[in-house]
Amino acid sequence: RTLDLTILVLLSPVMLPVGFIVAAVIKLGSPGPVLFVQERRGYQGRPFRLYKFRTMRTGAETRDHEDYVRNLISSAEPTRMLDEVDSRIVPFGGMLRASGLDELPQLLNVLRREMSLVGPRPVLPLEYEHYSPAQMRKFSCLPGLTGLWQVSGKNKTTFSQMVALDIEYAEKKSLRLDLQILLRTPGVLIRQLMEQASLRRAR
């Protein structure tokens, strides 16, 4: 918690203006609310309301994503981003996702002690129902905005590899590991942005 609060205080002069700019871009580019709120499972499987900047059109069908998650759990396919070919994404939504700026409102979740800056990925309720007793170990710490999975391949890993990385973090959690992950995160986001730009040019 001390690390979270220290970084939030240091970055708030930058993050607040950036957040307002992102909100304006979403509001001007697509009718509807700026924020997207969704139930997730976090520490010890407890439900909480996760906040994100809305990157999909209002009223967009979520069934495709839910079906994708169900299939991913039992497959050996990499956890690719659906917005590579998703027409429901609002203008600049793909860039916001690739840069991680869509997750800035989760700083509210951090302040509410529902999340940390670093931790395992928070999961959807339907995903939580499919976890085995051994996999439940990932819920022994707060979920995070970034984590070991995000800086270890992310969309190139399978579901089981993703869960294994989350469990590894939960079991090895330390201040040193958190700092290492935080320092690696900007480089990962830059690569994601470059990959997003390459996909757009290839279309």
N, C-alpha and C. Protein backbone atom coordinates (compact mmCIF):
# COMPACT_ATOMS: atom_id res chain seq x y z
N ARG A 1 0.82 -1.21 0.00
CA ARG A 1 0.00 0.00 0.00
C ARG A 1 0.86 1.26 0.00
N THR A 2 1.98 1.25 0.70
CA THR A 2 2.85 2.43 0.73
C THR A 2 3.38 2.74 -0.65
N LEU A 3 3.79 1.69 -1.40
CA LEU A 3 4.29 1.89 -2.76
C LEU A 3 3.19 2.44 -3.65
N ASP A 4 1.99 1.89 -3.55
CA ASP A 4 0.87 2.36 -4.37
C ASP A 4 0.61 3.84 -4.14
N LEU A 5 0.48 4.24 -2.88
CA LEU A 5 0.14 5.62 -2.56
C LEU A 5 1.26 6.58 -2.95
N THR A 6 2.51 6.15 -2.76
CA THR A 6 3.64 7.01 -3.13
C THR A 6 3.64 7.29 -4.62
N ILE A 7 3.46 6.24 -5.44
CA ILE A 7 3.46 6.41 -6.89
C ILE A 7 2.26 7.23 -7.36
N LEU A 8 1.10 7.00 -6.74
CA LEU A 8 -0.09 7.78 -7.11
C LEU A 8 0.11 9.27 -6.85
N VAL A 9 0.71 9.59 -5.72
CA VAL A 9 0.96 11.00 -5.40
C VAL A 9 1.95 11.60 -6.39
N LEU A 10 3.00 10.87 -6.72
CA LEU A 10 4.03 11.38 -7.63
C LEU A 10 3.50 11.57 -9.05
N LEU A 11 2.63 10.66 -9.49
CA LEU A 11 2.15 10.69 -10.87
C LEU A 11 0.86 11.47 -11.07
N SER A 12 0.18 11.83 -9.99
CA SER A 12 -1.12 12.50 -10.13
C SER A 12 -1.07 13.79 -10.96
N PRO A 13 0.00 14.62 -10.88
CA PRO A 13 0.03 15.83 -11.72
C PRO A 13 0.03 15.52 -13.21
N VAL A 14 0.48 14.33 -13.59
CA VAL A 14 0.48 13.93 -15.00
C VAL A 14 -0.77 13.14 -15.34
N MET A 15 -1.15 12.22 -14.47
CA MET A 15 -2.25 11.32 -14.76
C MET A 15 -3.61 12.03 -14.83
N LEU A 16 -3.83 13.02 -13.98
CA LEU A 16 -5.11 13.72 -13.98
C LEU A 16 -5.37 14.45 -15.31
N PRO A 17 -4.42 15.26 -15.81
CA PRO A 17 -4.66 15.90 -17.11
C PRO A 17 -4.81 14.89 -18.25
N VAL A 18 -4.02 13.83 -18.22
CA VAL A 18 -4.13 12.80 -19.25
C VAL A 18 -5.52 12.15 -19.20
N GLY A 19 -6.00 11.89 -17.99
CA GLY A 19 -7.32 11.31 -17.84
C GLY A 19 -8.41 12.19 -18.42
N PHE A 20 -8.32 13.50 -18.19
CA PHE A 20 -9.31 14.43 -18.73
C PHE A 20 -9.26 14.45 -20.26
N ILE A 21 -8.06 14.37 -20.82
CA ILE A 21 -7.93 14.36 -22.29
C ILE A 21 -8.54 13.09 -22.87
N VAL A 22 -8.25 11.94 -22.26
CA VAL A 22 -8.82 10.68 -22.72
C VAL A 22 -10.34 10.71 -22.64
N ALA A 23 -10.87 11.24 -21.54
CA ALA A 23 -12.33 11.33 -21.37
C ALA A 23 -12.94 12.19 -22.47
N ALA A 24 -12.27 13.30 -22.81
CA ALA A 24 -12.78 14.19 -23.86
C ALA A 24 -12.76 13.50 -25.23
N VAL A 25 -11.71 12.74 -25.51
CA VAL A 25 -11.61 12.02 -26.78
C VAL A 25 -12.74 11.01 -26.92
N ILE A 26 -13.03 10.29 -25.85
CA ILE A 26 -14.10 9.29 -25.87
C ILE A 26 -15.46 9.97 -26.04
N LYS A 27 -15.68 11.05 -25.31
CA LYS A 27 -16.97 11.75 -25.35
C LYS A 27 -17.23 12.34 -26.72
N LEU A 28 -16.20 12.89 -27.35
CA LEU A 28 -16.36 13.50 -28.66
C LEU A 28 -16.48 12.45 -29.77
N GLY A 29 -15.88 11.28 -29.55
CA GLY A 29 -15.85 10.27 -30.60
C GLY A 29 -16.98 9.28 -30.58
N SER A 30 -17.71 9.19 -29.44
CA SER A 30 -18.77 8.18 -29.35
C SER A 30 -19.80 8.60 -28.30
N PRO A 31 -21.09 8.60 -28.63
CA PRO A 31 -22.11 8.96 -27.64
C PRO A 31 -22.18 7.93 -26.52
N GLY A 32 -22.47 8.40 -25.32
CA GLY A 32 -22.58 7.47 -24.20
C GLY A 32 -21.67 7.87 -23.05
N PRO A 33 -21.67 7.09 -21.99
CA PRO A 33 -20.83 7.40 -20.82
C PRO A 33 -19.35 7.26 -21.12
N VAL A 34 -18.55 7.99 -20.39
CA VAL A 34 -17.10 7.93 -20.56
C VAL A 34 -16.53 6.67 -19.91
N LEU A 35 -17.10 6.28 -18.78
CA LEU A 35 -16.59 5.14 -18.04
C LEU A 35 -17.38 3.86 -18.34
N PHE A 36 -16.67 2.75 -18.30
CA PHE A 36 -17.26 1.42 -18.41
C PHE A 36 -17.05 0.74 -17.06
N VAL A 37 -18.12 0.25 -16.47
CA VAL A 37 -18.04 -0.40 -15.15
C VAL A 37 -18.45 -1.85 -15.29
N GLN A 38 -17.64 -2.74 -14.74
CA GLN A 38 -17.90 -4.18 -14.90
C GLN A 38 -17.51 -4.92 -13.63
N GLU A 39 -18.28 -5.94 -13.28
CA GLU A 39 -17.94 -6.73 -12.11
C GLU A 39 -16.74 -7.62 -12.40
N ARG A 40 -15.82 -7.67 -11.47
CA ARG A 40 -14.66 -8.56 -11.56
C ARG A 40 -14.48 -9.25 -10.22
N ARG A 41 -13.65 -10.28 -10.21
CA ARG A 41 -13.29 -10.97 -8.97
C ARG A 41 -11.84 -10.65 -8.66
N GLY A 42 -11.59 -10.33 -7.39
CA GLY A 42 -10.24 -9.96 -6.98
C GLY A 42 -9.74 -10.77 -5.80
N TYR A 43 -9.26 -10.07 -4.78
CA TYR A 43 -8.66 -10.72 -3.60
C TYR A 43 -9.62 -11.73 -2.99
N GLN A 44 -9.15 -12.98 -2.86
CA GLN A 44 -9.94 -14.08 -2.30
C GLN A 44 -11.26 -14.29 -3.03
N GLY A 45 -11.28 -13.91 -4.31
CA GLY A 45 -12.47 -14.12 -5.12
C GLY A 45 -13.60 -13.15 -4.86
N ARG A 46 -13.33 -12.09 -4.10
CA ARG A 46 -14.39 -11.14 -3.77
C ARG A 46 -14.78 -10.31 -4.99
N PRO A 47 -16.08 -10.10 -5.21
CA PRO A 47 -16.51 -9.28 -6.35
C PRO A 47 -16.29 -7.79 -6.07
N PHE A 48 -15.95 -7.04 -7.12
CA PHE A 48 -15.85 -5.59 -7.00
C PHE A 48 -16.15 -4.97 -8.36
N ARG A 49 -16.44 -3.70 -8.37
CA ARG A 49 -16.77 -2.99 -9.60
C ARG A 49 -15.49 -2.35 -10.15
N LEU A 50 -15.06 -2.82 -11.32
CA LEU A 50 -13.85 -2.34 -11.94
C LEU A 50 -14.19 -1.20 -12.90
N TYR A 51 -13.38 -0.15 -12.89
CA TYR A 51 -13.61 1.02 -13.74
C TYR A 51 -12.59 1.06 -14.89
N LYS A 52 -13.10 1.39 -16.08
CA LYS A 52 -12.24 1.58 -17.24
C LYS A 52 -12.82 2.73 -18.06
N PHE A 53 -11.99 3.34 -18.89
CA PHE A 53 -12.53 4.23 -19.91
C PHE A 53 -13.21 3.36 -20.97
N ARG A 54 -14.38 3.78 -21.40
CA ARG A 54 -15.14 2.99 -22.38
C ARG A 54 -14.46 3.05 -23.74
N THR A 55 -14.14 1.89 -24.28
CA THR A 55 -13.49 1.82 -25.60
C THR A 55 -14.36 1.08 -26.62
N MET A 56 -15.57 0.69 -26.22
CA MET A 56 -16.49 0.05 -27.16
C MET A 56 -17.76 0.89 -27.25
N ARG A 57 -18.46 0.76 -28.36
CA ARG A 57 -19.69 1.52 -28.56
C ARG A 57 -20.72 1.16 -27.51
N THR A 58 -21.51 2.14 -27.10
CA THR A 58 -22.54 1.92 -26.08
C THR A 58 -23.52 0.84 -26.55
N GLY A 59 -23.82 -0.10 -25.65
CA GLY A 59 -24.75 -1.17 -25.99
C GLY A 59 -24.15 -2.29 -26.81
N ALA A 60 -22.81 -2.29 -26.99
CA ALA A 60 -22.16 -3.34 -27.78
C ALA A 60 -22.38 -4.70 -27.14
N GLU A 61 -22.65 -5.69 -27.93
CA GLU A 61 -22.87 -7.05 -27.45
C GLU A 61 -21.59 -7.61 -26.84
N THR A 62 -21.71 -8.20 -25.64
CA THR A 62 -20.53 -8.75 -24.96
C THR A 62 -20.47 -10.28 -25.07
N ARG A 63 -21.47 -10.88 -25.72
CA ARG A 63 -21.53 -12.35 -25.77
C ARG A 63 -20.32 -12.93 -26.49
N ASP A 64 -19.86 -12.25 -27.56
CA ASP A 64 -18.70 -12.76 -28.30
C ASP A 64 -17.48 -12.87 -27.38
N HIS A 65 -17.28 -11.85 -26.55
CA HIS A 65 -16.13 -11.87 -25.64
C HIS A 65 -16.29 -12.96 -24.59
N GLU A 66 -17.50 -13.15 -24.08
CA GLU A 66 -17.74 -14.19 -23.09
C GLU A 66 -17.49 -15.58 -23.68
N ASP A 67 -17.95 -15.79 -24.93
CA ASP A 67 -17.70 -17.07 -25.60
C ASP A 67 -16.21 -17.27 -25.83
N TYR A 68 -15.52 -16.18 -26.19
CA TYR A 68 -14.08 -16.26 -26.41
C TYR A 68 -13.35 -16.68 -25.14
N VAL A 69 -13.76 -16.11 -23.99
CA VAL A 69 -13.13 -16.46 -22.72
C VAL A 69 -13.36 -17.92 -22.38
N ARG A 70 -14.58 -18.40 -22.57
CA ARG A 70 -14.89 -19.81 -22.29
C ARG A 70 -14.04 -20.75 -23.14
N ASN A 71 -13.90 -20.43 -24.42
CA ASN A 71 -13.10 -21.28 -25.30
C ASN A 71 -11.61 -21.20 -24.96
N LEU A 72 -11.17 -20.01 -24.56
CA LEU A 72 -9.75 -19.81 -24.25
C LEU A 72 -9.32 -20.65 -23.06
N ILE A 73 -10.19 -20.79 -22.07
CA ILE A 73 -9.86 -21.52 -20.85
C ILE A 73 -9.43 -22.95 -21.14
N SER A 74 -10.07 -23.57 -22.12
CA SER A 74 -9.79 -24.98 -22.41
C SER A 74 -8.92 -25.18 -23.64
N SER A 75 -8.36 -24.09 -24.17
CA SER A 75 -7.55 -24.23 -25.39
C SER A 75 -6.08 -23.94 -25.11
N ALA A 76 -5.26 -24.19 -26.13
CA ALA A 76 -3.83 -23.88 -26.03
C ALA A 76 -3.49 -22.70 -26.92
N GLU A 77 -4.49 -21.91 -27.28
CA GLU A 77 -4.27 -20.75 -28.14
C GLU A 77 -3.78 -19.56 -27.32
N PRO A 78 -2.98 -18.68 -27.92
CA PRO A 78 -2.53 -17.48 -27.21
C PRO A 78 -3.71 -16.58 -26.90
N THR A 79 -3.57 -15.78 -25.83
CA THR A 79 -4.64 -14.89 -25.41
C THR A 79 -4.57 -13.59 -26.22
N ARG A 80 -4.90 -13.66 -27.51
CA ARG A 80 -4.81 -12.49 -28.38
C ARG A 80 -5.90 -11.48 -28.05
N MET A 81 -5.69 -10.23 -28.49
CA MET A 81 -6.67 -9.17 -28.27
C MET A 81 -7.75 -9.25 -29.33
N LEU A 82 -9.02 -9.29 -28.91
CA LEU A 82 -10.13 -9.33 -29.86
C LEU A 82 -10.26 -8.05 -30.66
N ASP A 83 -9.80 -6.92 -30.13
CA ASP A 83 -10.00 -5.67 -30.84
C ASP A 83 -9.11 -5.54 -32.07
N GLU A 84 -8.30 -6.56 -32.37
CA GLU A 84 -7.55 -6.54 -33.62
C GLU A 84 -8.50 -6.50 -34.81
N VAL A 85 -9.69 -7.09 -34.66
CA VAL A 85 -10.65 -7.17 -35.77
C VAL A 85 -12.05 -6.79 -35.29
N ASP A 86 -12.18 -6.04 -34.22
CA ASP A 86 -13.48 -5.76 -33.62
C ASP A 86 -14.00 -4.42 -34.09
N SER A 87 -15.15 -4.44 -34.78
CA SER A 87 -15.75 -3.22 -35.32
C SER A 87 -16.48 -2.40 -34.26
N ARG A 88 -16.60 -2.95 -33.04
CA ARG A 88 -17.33 -2.25 -31.99
C ARG A 88 -16.45 -1.23 -31.25
N ILE A 89 -15.18 -1.19 -31.57
CA ILE A 89 -14.25 -0.29 -30.89
C ILE A 89 -14.51 1.16 -31.31
N VAL A 90 -14.54 2.07 -30.35
CA VAL A 90 -14.75 3.49 -30.64
C VAL A 90 -13.49 4.07 -31.28
N PRO A 91 -13.59 5.26 -31.93
CA PRO A 91 -12.39 5.90 -32.49
C PRO A 91 -11.31 6.06 -31.43
N PHE A 92 -10.11 5.67 -31.79
CA PHE A 92 -8.92 5.70 -30.92
C PHE A 92 -8.99 4.68 -29.78
N GLY A 93 -10.04 3.85 -29.77
CA GLY A 93 -10.17 2.85 -28.70
C GLY A 93 -9.04 1.83 -28.70
N GLY A 94 -8.63 1.39 -29.89
CA GLY A 94 -7.54 0.43 -29.98
C GLY A 94 -6.24 0.99 -29.43
N MET A 95 -5.99 2.27 -29.72
CA MET A 95 -4.77 2.90 -29.21
C MET A 95 -4.84 3.04 -27.69
N LEU A 96 -6.03 3.38 -27.17
CA LEU A 96 -6.17 3.52 -25.72
C LEU A 96 -5.92 2.19 -25.02
N ARG A 97 -6.39 1.09 -25.62
CA ARG A 97 -6.18 -0.23 -25.02
C ARG A 97 -4.71 -0.63 -25.09
N ALA A 98 -4.10 -0.43 -26.26
CA ALA A 98 -2.71 -0.83 -26.43
C ALA A 98 -1.78 -0.05 -25.50
N SER A 99 -2.12 1.22 -25.25
CA SER A 99 -1.27 2.06 -24.40
C SER A 99 -1.57 1.88 -22.92
N GLY A 100 -2.69 1.19 -22.60
CA GLY A 100 -3.07 1.01 -21.21
C GLY A 100 -3.80 2.22 -20.62
N LEU A 101 -4.02 3.26 -21.44
CA LEU A 101 -4.68 4.46 -20.92
C LEU A 101 -6.15 4.21 -20.59
N ASP A 102 -6.74 3.18 -21.19
CA ASP A 102 -8.14 2.87 -20.87
C ASP A 102 -8.28 2.39 -19.42
N GLU A 103 -7.18 1.98 -18.80
CA GLU A 103 -7.24 1.44 -17.44
C GLU A 103 -6.93 2.49 -16.37
N LEU A 104 -6.72 3.74 -16.77
CA LEU A 104 -6.42 4.79 -15.79
C LEU A 104 -7.48 4.90 -14.68
N PRO A 105 -8.79 4.76 -14.99
CA PRO A 105 -9.78 4.86 -13.91
C PRO A 105 -9.62 3.80 -12.83
N GLN A 106 -8.86 2.75 -13.10
CA GLN A 106 -8.65 1.73 -12.07
C GLN A 106 -7.79 2.25 -10.92
N LEU A 107 -7.23 3.44 -11.09
CA LEU A 107 -6.56 4.08 -9.96
C LEU A 107 -7.57 4.33 -8.84
N LEU A 108 -8.86 4.50 -9.21
CA LEU A 108 -9.91 4.62 -8.20
C LEU A 108 -10.04 3.31 -7.42
N ASN A 109 -9.92 2.18 -8.14
CA ASN A 109 -9.96 0.88 -7.48
C ASN A 109 -8.77 0.71 -6.53
N VAL A 110 -7.63 1.28 -6.93
CA VAL A 110 -6.44 1.21 -6.06
C VAL A 110 -6.69 2.02 -4.79
N LEU A 111 -7.24 3.21 -4.94
CA LEU A 111 -7.53 4.05 -3.78
C LEU A 111 -8.56 3.40 -2.86
N ARG A 112 -9.46 2.61 -3.45
CA ARG A 112 -10.50 1.93 -2.65
C ARG A 112 -9.99 0.60 -2.09
N ARG A 113 -8.71 0.30 -2.31
CA ARG A 113 -8.06 -0.91 -1.81
C ARG A 113 -8.67 -2.20 -2.38
N GLU A 114 -9.25 -2.08 -3.56
CA GLU A 114 -9.77 -3.25 -4.27
C GLU A 114 -8.72 -3.80 -5.23
N MET A 115 -7.74 -2.95 -5.59
CA MET A 115 -6.66 -3.33 -6.49
C MET A 115 -5.36 -2.71 -6.00
N SER A 116 -4.26 -3.16 -6.60
CA SER A 116 -2.94 -2.59 -6.36
C SER A 116 -2.38 -2.19 -7.73
N LEU A 117 -1.29 -1.45 -7.74
CA LEU A 117 -0.66 -1.12 -9.02
C LEU A 117 -0.11 -2.38 -9.67
N VAL A 118 0.38 -3.31 -8.87
CA VAL A 118 0.96 -4.56 -9.38
C VAL A 118 0.24 -5.74 -8.74
N GLY A 119 -0.11 -6.72 -9.56
CA GLY A 119 -0.77 -7.91 -9.03
C GLY A 119 -1.32 -8.77 -10.15
N PRO A 120 -1.93 -9.89 -9.83
CA PRO A 120 -2.54 -10.75 -10.84
C PRO A 120 -3.68 -10.04 -11.55
N ARG A 121 -4.03 -10.52 -12.71
CA ARG A 121 -5.11 -9.92 -13.49
C ARG A 121 -6.46 -10.19 -12.82
N PRO A 122 -7.31 -9.15 -12.64
CA PRO A 122 -8.66 -9.40 -12.12
C PRO A 122 -9.47 -10.15 -13.18
N VAL A 123 -10.39 -11.01 -12.77
CA VAL A 123 -11.07 -11.87 -13.72
C VAL A 123 -12.57 -11.62 -13.74
N LEU A 124 -13.20 -12.01 -14.85
CA LEU A 124 -14.65 -11.96 -14.97
C LEU A 124 -15.27 -13.06 -14.10
N PRO A 125 -16.49 -12.87 -13.62
CA PRO A 125 -17.14 -13.91 -12.82
C PRO A 125 -17.23 -15.25 -13.54
N LEU A 126 -17.54 -15.23 -14.85
CA LEU A 126 -17.65 -16.50 -15.59
C LEU A 126 -16.31 -17.22 -15.67
N GLU A 127 -15.21 -16.45 -15.69
CA GLU A 127 -13.88 -17.05 -15.72
C GLU A 127 -13.54 -17.65 -14.35
N TYR A 128 -13.91 -16.93 -13.29
CA TYR A 128 -13.63 -17.37 -11.92
C TYR A 128 -14.24 -18.74 -11.66
N GLU A 129 -15.41 -19.00 -12.21
CA GLU A 129 -16.11 -20.26 -11.98
C GLU A 129 -15.36 -21.46 -12.53
N HIS A 130 -14.43 -21.24 -13.47
CA HIS A 130 -13.72 -22.34 -14.10
C HIS A 130 -12.34 -22.61 -13.48
N TYR A 131 -11.96 -21.85 -12.46
CA TYR A 131 -10.65 -22.04 -11.86
C TYR A 131 -10.64 -23.28 -10.96
N SER A 132 -9.55 -24.02 -11.04
CA SER A 132 -9.39 -25.20 -10.18
C SER A 132 -8.93 -24.76 -8.79
N PRO A 133 -9.01 -25.63 -7.79
CA PRO A 133 -8.53 -25.26 -6.45
C PRO A 133 -7.07 -24.80 -6.46
N ALA A 134 -6.23 -25.45 -7.25
CA ALA A 134 -4.83 -25.05 -7.32
C ALA A 134 -4.67 -23.66 -7.94
N GLN A 135 -5.48 -23.35 -8.94
CA GLN A 135 -5.40 -22.06 -9.61
C GLN A 135 -5.91 -20.92 -8.74
N MET A 136 -6.71 -21.25 -7.72
CA MET A 136 -7.25 -20.23 -6.83
C MET A 136 -6.15 -19.51 -6.04
N ARG A 137 -4.94 -20.04 -6.07
CA ARG A 137 -3.83 -19.41 -5.34
C ARG A 137 -3.54 -18.00 -5.86
N LYS A 138 -3.92 -17.72 -7.10
CA LYS A 138 -3.67 -16.39 -7.66
C LYS A 138 -4.48 -15.31 -6.95
N PHE A 139 -5.53 -15.71 -6.23
CA PHE A 139 -6.39 -14.74 -5.55
C PHE A 139 -5.94 -14.48 -4.11
N SER A 140 -4.71 -14.86 -3.79
CA SER A 140 -4.21 -14.64 -2.43
C SER A 140 -3.63 -13.25 -2.24
N CYS A 141 -3.68 -12.41 -3.29
CA CYS A 141 -3.24 -11.02 -3.16
C CYS A 141 -4.13 -10.15 -4.04
N LEU A 142 -4.03 -8.85 -3.86
CA LEU A 142 -4.86 -7.93 -4.63
C LEU A 142 -4.53 -8.00 -6.11
N PRO A 143 -5.53 -7.89 -6.99
CA PRO A 143 -5.25 -7.81 -8.42
C PRO A 143 -4.59 -6.49 -8.76
N GLY A 144 -3.93 -6.42 -9.92
CA GLY A 144 -3.19 -5.21 -10.25
C GLY A 144 -3.46 -4.66 -11.63
N LEU A 145 -3.08 -3.39 -11.83
CA LEU A 145 -3.16 -2.77 -13.15
C LEU A 145 -2.14 -3.40 -14.10
N THR A 146 -0.98 -3.73 -13.56
CA THR A 146 0.03 -4.45 -14.33
C THR A 146 0.50 -5.61 -13.47
N GLY A 147 1.24 -6.52 -14.07
CA GLY A 147 1.68 -7.69 -13.32
C GLY A 147 2.70 -8.51 -14.08
N LEU A 148 3.07 -9.62 -13.51
CA LEU A 148 4.10 -10.47 -14.11
C LEU A 148 3.64 -10.99 -15.47
N TRP A 149 2.36 -11.34 -15.60
CA TRP A 149 1.85 -11.81 -16.89
C TRP A 149 1.95 -10.72 -17.96
N GLN A 150 1.57 -9.50 -17.60
CA GLN A 150 1.58 -8.42 -18.58
C GLN A 150 2.97 -8.12 -19.12
N VAL A 151 4.01 -8.34 -18.33
CA VAL A 151 5.37 -8.04 -18.80
C VAL A 151 6.12 -9.30 -19.23
N SER A 152 5.39 -10.43 -19.32
CA SER A 152 6.05 -11.70 -19.67
C SER A 152 5.44 -12.35 -20.92
N GLY A 153 4.95 -11.53 -21.81
CA GLY A 153 4.43 -12.08 -23.05
C GLY A 153 2.97 -11.77 -23.32
N LYS A 154 2.19 -11.64 -22.28
CA LYS A 154 0.78 -11.28 -22.34
C LYS A 154 0.04 -11.98 -23.48
N ASN A 155 -0.21 -11.31 -24.61
CA ASN A 155 -1.03 -11.86 -25.69
C ASN A 155 -0.36 -13.01 -26.45
N LYS A 156 0.86 -13.36 -26.06
CA LYS A 156 1.54 -14.49 -26.68
C LYS A 156 1.50 -15.73 -25.78
N THR A 157 0.83 -15.62 -24.65
CA THR A 157 0.75 -16.75 -23.71
C THR A 157 -0.63 -17.40 -23.78
N THR A 158 -0.70 -18.66 -23.36
CA THR A 158 -1.97 -19.36 -23.28
C THR A 158 -2.65 -19.02 -21.95
N PHE A 159 -3.89 -19.44 -21.81
CA PHE A 159 -4.61 -19.18 -20.56
C PHE A 159 -3.89 -19.83 -19.38
N SER A 160 -3.48 -21.08 -19.54
CA SER A 160 -2.82 -21.78 -18.42
C SER A 160 -1.49 -21.11 -18.07
N GLN A 161 -0.76 -20.62 -19.06
CA GLN A 161 0.49 -19.91 -18.79
C GLN A 161 0.22 -18.59 -18.06
N MET A 162 -0.85 -17.91 -18.46
CA MET A 162 -1.23 -16.67 -17.80
C MET A 162 -1.53 -16.91 -16.32
N VAL A 163 -2.31 -17.94 -16.03
CA VAL A 163 -2.65 -18.26 -14.64
C VAL A 163 -1.39 -18.64 -13.87
N ALA A 164 -0.50 -19.40 -14.49
CA ALA A 164 0.74 -19.81 -13.83
C ALA A 164 1.59 -18.60 -13.45
N LEU A 165 1.65 -17.61 -14.34
CA LEU A 165 2.41 -16.40 -14.05
C LEU A 165 1.77 -15.61 -12.91
N ASP A 166 0.44 -15.56 -12.89
CA ASP A 166 -0.26 -14.88 -11.80
C ASP A 166 0.01 -15.57 -10.45
N ILE A 167 0.02 -16.90 -10.47
CA ILE A 167 0.29 -17.66 -9.24
C ILE A 167 1.74 -17.44 -8.80
N GLU A 168 2.65 -17.44 -9.77
CA GLU A 168 4.07 -17.20 -9.44
C GLU A 168 4.24 -15.85 -8.77
N TYR A 169 3.55 -14.84 -9.29
CA TYR A 169 3.65 -13.52 -8.65
C TYR A 169 3.10 -13.56 -7.23
N ALA A 170 1.91 -14.16 -7.07
CA ALA A 170 1.27 -14.21 -5.75
C ALA A 170 2.17 -14.89 -4.72
N GLU A 171 2.94 -15.89 -5.15
CA GLU A 171 3.78 -16.64 -4.23
C GLU A 171 5.14 -15.98 -3.99
N LYS A 172 5.57 -15.11 -4.91
CA LYS A 172 6.87 -14.47 -4.79
C LYS A 172 6.78 -12.98 -4.52
N LYS A 173 5.59 -12.48 -4.31
CA LYS A 173 5.35 -11.04 -4.16
C LYS A 173 6.35 -10.39 -3.20
N SER A 174 6.96 -9.30 -3.68
CA SER A 174 7.92 -8.54 -2.85
C SER A 174 8.03 -7.14 -3.43
N LEU A 175 8.58 -6.24 -2.65
CA LEU A 175 8.78 -4.87 -3.11
C LEU A 175 9.71 -4.84 -4.32
N ARG A 176 10.76 -5.65 -4.28
CA ARG A 176 11.71 -5.70 -5.40
C ARG A 176 11.04 -6.16 -6.67
N LEU A 177 10.22 -7.21 -6.58
CA LEU A 177 9.52 -7.73 -7.77
C LEU A 177 8.54 -6.69 -8.30
N ASP A 178 7.83 -6.01 -7.41
CA ASP A 178 6.89 -4.97 -7.84
C ASP A 178 7.61 -3.87 -8.61
N LEU A 179 8.74 -3.43 -8.10
CA LEU A 179 9.49 -2.38 -8.77
C LEU A 179 10.01 -2.85 -10.14
N GLN A 180 10.46 -4.09 -10.22
CA GLN A 180 10.92 -4.63 -11.50
C GLN A 180 9.80 -4.64 -12.53
N ILE A 181 8.61 -5.06 -12.11
CA ILE A 181 7.46 -5.11 -13.02
C ILE A 181 7.05 -3.70 -13.45
N LEU A 182 7.03 -2.77 -12.51
CA LEU A 182 6.66 -1.38 -12.85
C LEU A 182 7.64 -0.77 -13.83
N LEU A 183 8.94 -1.07 -13.67
CA LEU A 183 9.95 -0.52 -14.57
C LEU A 183 9.87 -1.15 -15.97
N ARG A 184 9.43 -2.40 -16.05
CA ARG A 184 9.31 -3.08 -17.34
C ARG A 184 8.03 -2.72 -18.09
N THR A 185 7.03 -2.23 -17.37
CA THR A 185 5.71 -1.98 -17.97
C THR A 185 5.73 -0.93 -19.08
N PRO A 186 6.39 0.22 -18.95
CA PRO A 186 6.38 1.20 -20.04
C PRO A 186 6.90 0.64 -21.36
N GLY A 187 7.96 -0.15 -21.31
CA GLY A 187 8.50 -0.74 -22.54
C GLY A 187 7.51 -1.69 -23.19
N VAL A 188 6.79 -2.45 -22.37
CA VAL A 188 5.78 -3.37 -22.89
C VAL A 188 4.67 -2.59 -23.57
N LEU A 189 4.22 -1.50 -22.97
CA LEU A 189 3.15 -0.69 -23.54
C LEU A 189 3.58 -0.05 -24.85
N ILE A 190 4.83 0.38 -24.93
CA ILE A 190 5.34 0.96 -26.18
C ILE A 190 5.34 -0.08 -27.29
N ARG A 191 5.75 -1.31 -26.97
CA ARG A 191 5.72 -2.37 -27.98
C ARG A 191 4.30 -2.68 -28.43
N GLN A 192 3.36 -2.66 -27.48
CA GLN A 192 1.96 -2.90 -27.84
C GLN A 192 1.44 -1.82 -28.77
N LEU A 193 1.82 -0.58 -28.52
CA LEU A 193 1.41 0.52 -29.39
C LEU A 193 1.99 0.35 -30.79
N MET A 194 3.24 -0.07 -30.88
CA MET A 194 3.88 -0.29 -32.18
C MET A 194 3.20 -1.43 -32.93
N GLU A 195 2.85 -2.49 -32.21
CA GLU A 195 2.15 -3.60 -32.85
C GLU A 195 0.77 -3.18 -33.33
N GLN A 196 0.08 -2.34 -32.53
CA GLN A 196 -1.22 -1.83 -32.92
C GLN A 196 -1.12 -1.00 -34.19
N ALA A 197 -0.09 -0.15 -34.26
CA ALA A 197 0.13 0.68 -35.45
C ALA A 197 0.43 -0.18 -36.67
N SER A 198 1.20 -1.25 -36.49
CA SER A 198 1.53 -2.14 -37.62
C SER A 198 0.27 -2.85 -38.13
N LEU A 199 -0.61 -3.25 -37.22
CA LEU A 199 -1.86 -3.90 -37.62
C LEU A 199 -2.74 -2.95 -38.43
N ARG A 200 -2.80 -1.70 -38.00
CA ARG A 200 -3.61 -0.71 -38.70
C ARG A 200 -3.07 -0.45 -40.10
N ARG A 201 -1.75 -0.39 -40.24
CA ARG A 201 -1.16 -0.17 -41.56
C ARG A 201 -1.37 -1.35 -42.49
N ALA A 202 -1.46 -2.57 -41.88
CA ALA A 202 -1.60 -3.78 -42.69
C ALA A 202 -3.03 -3.98 -43.20
N ARG A 203 -4.00 -3.29 -42.64
CA ARG A 203 -5.40 -3.48 -43.05
C ARG A 203 -5.68 -2.83 -44.40
